[in-house]
Amino acid sequence: MRAERDELAVAERVFERVSEQLADERASAAPTPGQVGGRAVMLIPHRTSGVEETTLPPDYQRILAAVRQAAGPVMARQVGDALGIDVSVRSKLEPLRGKLVRLVDRGWLRKLPDGRFTTRL
């Protein structure tokens, strides 16, 4: 019973920290490093009318530029080729796909049902 109570207390502290970090992320449009599970992570701002693309980290700006320069919707593999990433190695491609999805989640890109990515209008 004590062990479960101690685990619950730890979980509550973690929840409070994460909640504070999310509140700080929403309050600040600029990307700032945060802590999740003891690891530093880069917080990507949500796309809103006052937030410029320049607030994104350089890697994300290059990804947006590669998607924008494409003739139409692109797969992650095509973005990797444009950025000079070795797309034949899955371990190199998956982090890129994660960044693309993060940009979709924050409103910077749009993901089509077939898995291709395109810019938002």
C-alpha atoms as a PDB file:
ATOM      1  CA  MET A   1       0.000   0.000   0.000  1.00  0.00           C
ATOM      2  CA  ARG A   2       2.842   2.397   0.845  1.00  0.00           C
ATOM      3  CA  ALA A   3       4.614   1.653  -2.433  1.00  0.00           C
ATOM      4  CA  GLU A   4       1.484   2.455  -4.399  1.00  0.00           C
ATOM      5  CA  ARG A   5       0.960   5.637  -2.406  1.00  0.00           C
ATOM      6  CA  ASP A   6       4.573   6.680  -3.065  1.00  0.00           C
ATOM      7  CA  GLU A   7       4.150   5.974  -6.786  1.00  0.00           C
ATOM      8  CA  LEU A   8       1.002   8.073  -6.814  1.00  0.00           C
ATOM      9  CA  ALA A   9       2.812  10.945  -5.109  1.00  0.00           C
ATOM     10  CA  VAL A  10       5.584  10.791  -7.726  1.00  0.00           C
ATOM     11  CA  ALA A  11       3.030  10.688 -10.535  1.00  0.00           C
ATOM     12  CA  GLU A  12       1.302  13.771  -9.112  1.00  0.00           C
ATOM     13  CA  ARG A  13       4.604  15.687  -8.999  1.00  0.00           C
ATOM     14  CA  VAL A  14       5.371  14.704 -12.602  1.00  0.00           C
ATOM     15  CA  PHE A  15       1.872  15.746 -13.685  1.00  0.00           C
ATOM     16  CA  GLU A  16       2.293  19.131 -11.989  1.00  0.00           C
ATOM     17  CA  ARG A  17       5.669  19.693 -13.701  1.00  0.00           C
ATOM     18  CA  VAL A  18       4.333  18.744 -17.121  1.00  0.00           C
ATOM     19  CA  SER A  19       1.258  20.939 -16.604  1.00  0.00           C
ATOM     20  CA  GLU A  20       3.490  23.890 -15.708  1.00  0.00           C
ATOM     21  CA  GLN A  21       5.643  23.271 -18.777  1.00  0.00           C
ATOM     22  CA  LEU A  22       2.590  23.153 -21.041  1.00  0.00           C
ATOM     23  CA  ALA A  23       1.298  26.391 -19.545  1.00  0.00           C
ATOM     24  CA  ASP A  24       4.689  28.007 -20.132  1.00  0.00           C
ATOM     25  CA  GLU A  25       4.718  26.710 -23.721  1.00  0.00           C
ATOM     26  CA  ARG A  26       1.335  28.250 -24.413  1.00  0.00           C
ATOM     27  CA  ALA A  27       2.393  31.533 -22.816  1.00  0.00           C
ATOM     28  CA  SER A  28       5.548  31.811 -24.889  1.00  0.00           C
ATOM     29  CA  ALA A  29       5.483  31.598 -28.683  1.00  0.00           C
ATOM     30  CA  ALA A  30       9.244  31.169 -28.938  1.00  0.00           C
ATOM     31  CA  PRO A  31      10.611  27.619 -28.745  1.00  0.00           C
ATOM     32  CA  THR A  32      12.239  26.959 -25.407  1.00  0.00           C
ATOM     33  CA  PRO A  33      13.818  23.832 -24.032  1.00  0.00           C
ATOM     34  CA  GLY A  34      11.634  21.934 -21.589  1.00  0.00           C
ATOM     35  CA  GLN A  35      12.083  18.892 -19.411  1.00  0.00           C
ATOM     36  CA  VAL A  36      10.099  15.705 -19.889  1.00  0.00           C
ATOM     37  CA  GLY A  37      11.214  12.630 -18.023  1.00  0.00           C
ATOM     38  CA  GLY A  38      14.505  14.313 -17.184  1.00  0.00           C
ATOM     39  CA  ARG A  39      15.359  14.867 -20.878  1.00  0.00           C
ATOM     40  CA  ALA A  40      15.565  18.228 -22.600  1.00  0.00           C
ATOM     41  CA  VAL A  41      13.049  18.621 -25.399  1.00  0.00           C
ATOM     42  CA  MET A  42      12.424  21.465 -27.839  1.00  0.00           C
ATOM     43  CA  LEU A  43       8.950  22.897 -27.647  1.00  0.00           C
ATOM     44  CA  ILE A  44       7.542  23.788 -31.062  1.00  0.00           C
ATOM     45  CA  PRO A  45       5.046  26.669 -30.967  1.00  0.00           C
ATOM     46  CA  HIS A  46       1.555  26.327 -32.354  1.00  0.00           C
ATOM     47  CA  ARG A  47       0.920  28.269 -35.524  1.00  0.00           C
ATOM     48  CA  THR A  48      -1.178  31.320 -34.738  1.00  0.00           C
ATOM     49  CA  SER A  49      -1.593  34.692 -36.395  1.00  0.00           C
ATOM     50  CA  GLY A  50       1.173  36.328 -34.325  1.00  0.00           C
ATOM     51  CA  VAL A  51       3.714  33.516 -34.587  1.00  0.00           C
ATOM     52  CA  GLU A  52       6.239  33.704 -37.411  1.00  0.00           C
ATOM     53  CA  GLU A  53       8.028  30.778 -39.026  1.00  0.00           C
ATOM     54  CA  THR A  54      11.318  32.244 -37.765  1.00  0.00           C
ATOM     55  CA  THR A  55      10.370  31.229 -34.203  1.00  0.00           C
ATOM     56  CA  LEU A  56      10.849  27.580 -35.207  1.00  0.00           C
ATOM     57  CA  PRO A  57      14.209  25.887 -34.700  1.00  0.00           C
ATOM     58  CA  PRO A  58      16.417  25.865 -37.848  1.00  0.00           C
ATOM     59  CA  ASP A  59      15.769  22.154 -38.574  1.00  0.00           C
ATOM     60  CA  TYR A  60      12.034  22.758 -38.674  1.00  0.00           C
ATOM     61  CA  GLN A  61      12.463  25.843 -40.859  1.00  0.00           C
ATOM     62  CA  ARG A  62      14.433  23.753 -43.383  1.00  0.00           C
ATOM     63  CA  ILE A  63      11.725  21.069 -43.350  1.00  0.00           C
ATOM     64  CA  LEU A  64       9.028  23.676 -44.025  1.00  0.00           C
ATOM     65  CA  ALA A  65      11.115  25.138 -46.855  1.00  0.00           C
ATOM     66  CA  ALA A  66      11.579  21.679 -48.426  1.00  0.00           C
ATOM     67  CA  VAL A  67       7.838  20.969 -48.312  1.00  0.00           C
ATOM     68  CA  ARG A  68       7.065  24.422 -49.684  1.00  0.00           C
ATOM     69  CA  GLN A  69       9.535  24.008 -52.593  1.00  0.00           C
ATOM     70  CA  ALA A  70       8.018  20.701 -53.681  1.00  0.00           C
ATOM     71  CA  ALA A  71       5.701  20.709 -56.683  1.00  0.00           C
ATOM     72  CA  GLY A  72       2.890  19.211 -54.588  1.00  0.00           C
ATOM     73  CA  PRO A  73       2.285  17.037 -51.533  1.00  0.00           C
ATOM     74  CA  VAL A  74       5.373  15.032 -50.535  1.00  0.00           C
ATOM     75  CA  MET A  75       6.207  11.893 -48.610  1.00  0.00           C
ATOM     76  CA  ALA A  76       8.707  12.003 -45.742  1.00  0.00           C
ATOM     77  CA  ARG A  77      11.208  10.206 -47.970  1.00  0.00           C
ATOM     78  CA  GLN A  78      11.079  13.044 -50.530  1.00  0.00           C
ATOM     79  CA  VAL A  79      11.628  15.649 -47.811  1.00  0.00           C
ATOM     80  CA  GLY A  80      14.597  13.619 -46.584  1.00  0.00           C
ATOM     81  CA  ASP A  81      16.070  13.550 -50.086  1.00  0.00           C
ATOM     82  CA  ALA A  82      15.671  17.327 -50.359  1.00  0.00           C
ATOM     83  CA  LEU A  83      17.426  17.780 -47.014  1.00  0.00           C
ATOM     84  CA  GLY A  84      20.251  15.386 -47.860  1.00  0.00           C
ATOM     85  CA  ILE A  85      19.243  12.724 -45.324  1.00  0.00           C
ATOM     86  CA  ASP A  86      20.061   9.085 -46.086  1.00  0.00           C
ATOM     87  CA  VAL A  87      16.473   7.872 -46.498  1.00  0.00           C
ATOM     88  CA  SER A  88      17.495   4.278 -47.191  1.00  0.00           C
ATOM     89  CA  VAL A  89      18.164   3.896 -43.449  1.00  0.00           C
ATOM     90  CA  ARG A  90      14.933   3.783 -41.471  1.00  0.00           C
ATOM     91  CA  SER A  91      16.603   5.095 -38.322  1.00  0.00           C
ATOM     92  CA  LYS A  92      17.438   8.297 -40.205  1.00  0.00           C
ATOM     93  CA  LEU A  93      13.987   8.682 -41.767  1.00  0.00           C
ATOM     94  CA  GLU A  94      11.798   8.105 -38.696  1.00  0.00           C
ATOM     95  CA  PRO A  95      13.041  11.163 -36.740  1.00  0.00           C
ATOM     96  CA  LEU A  96      12.257  13.275 -39.808  1.00  0.00           C
ATOM     97  CA  ARG A  97       8.783  11.758 -40.015  1.00  0.00           C
ATOM     98  CA  GLY A  98       8.333  12.602 -36.321  1.00  0.00           C
ATOM     99  CA  LYS A  99       9.260  16.221 -36.974  1.00  0.00           C
ATOM    100  CA  LEU A 100       6.834  16.383 -39.893  1.00  0.00           C
ATOM    101  CA  VAL A 101       4.044  15.007 -37.710  1.00  0.00           C
ATOM    102  CA  ARG A 102       4.951  17.483 -34.960  1.00  0.00           C
ATOM    103  CA  LEU A 103       4.628  20.307 -37.492  1.00  0.00           C
ATOM    104  CA  VAL A 104       1.222  18.912 -38.478  1.00  0.00           C
ATOM    105  CA  ASP A 105       0.130  18.747 -34.826  1.00  0.00           C
ATOM    106  CA  ARG A 106       1.168  22.383 -34.286  1.00  0.00           C
ATOM    107  CA  GLY A 107      -0.625  23.598 -37.425  1.00  0.00           C
ATOM    108  CA  TRP A 108       2.412  24.372 -39.617  1.00  0.00           C
ATOM    109  CA  LEU A 109       1.784  21.560 -42.116  1.00  0.00           C
ATOM    110  CA  ARG A 110      -1.145  19.427 -43.234  1.00  0.00           C
ATOM    111  CA  LYS A 111      -1.070  15.637 -43.564  1.00  0.00           C
ATOM    112  CA  LEU A 112      -3.205  14.102 -46.272  1.00  0.00           C
ATOM    113  CA  PRO A 113      -4.999  10.760 -45.772  1.00  0.00           C
ATOM    114  CA  ASP A 114      -2.469   9.023 -48.037  1.00  0.00           C
ATOM    115  CA  GLY A 115       0.429  10.042 -45.719  1.00  0.00           C
ATOM    116  CA  ARG A 116       1.789  12.898 -47.809  1.00  0.00           C
ATOM    117  CA  PHE A 117       2.536  16.300 -46.322  1.00  0.00           C
ATOM    118  CA  THR A 118       1.708  19.723 -47.700  1.00  0.00           C
ATOM    119  CA  THR A 119       1.785  23.311 -46.513  1.00  0.00           C
ATOM    120  CA  ARG A 120      -1.227  24.928 -44.906  1.00  0.00           C
ATOM    121  CA  LEU A 121      -2.943  27.736 -46.756  1.00  0.00           C
END
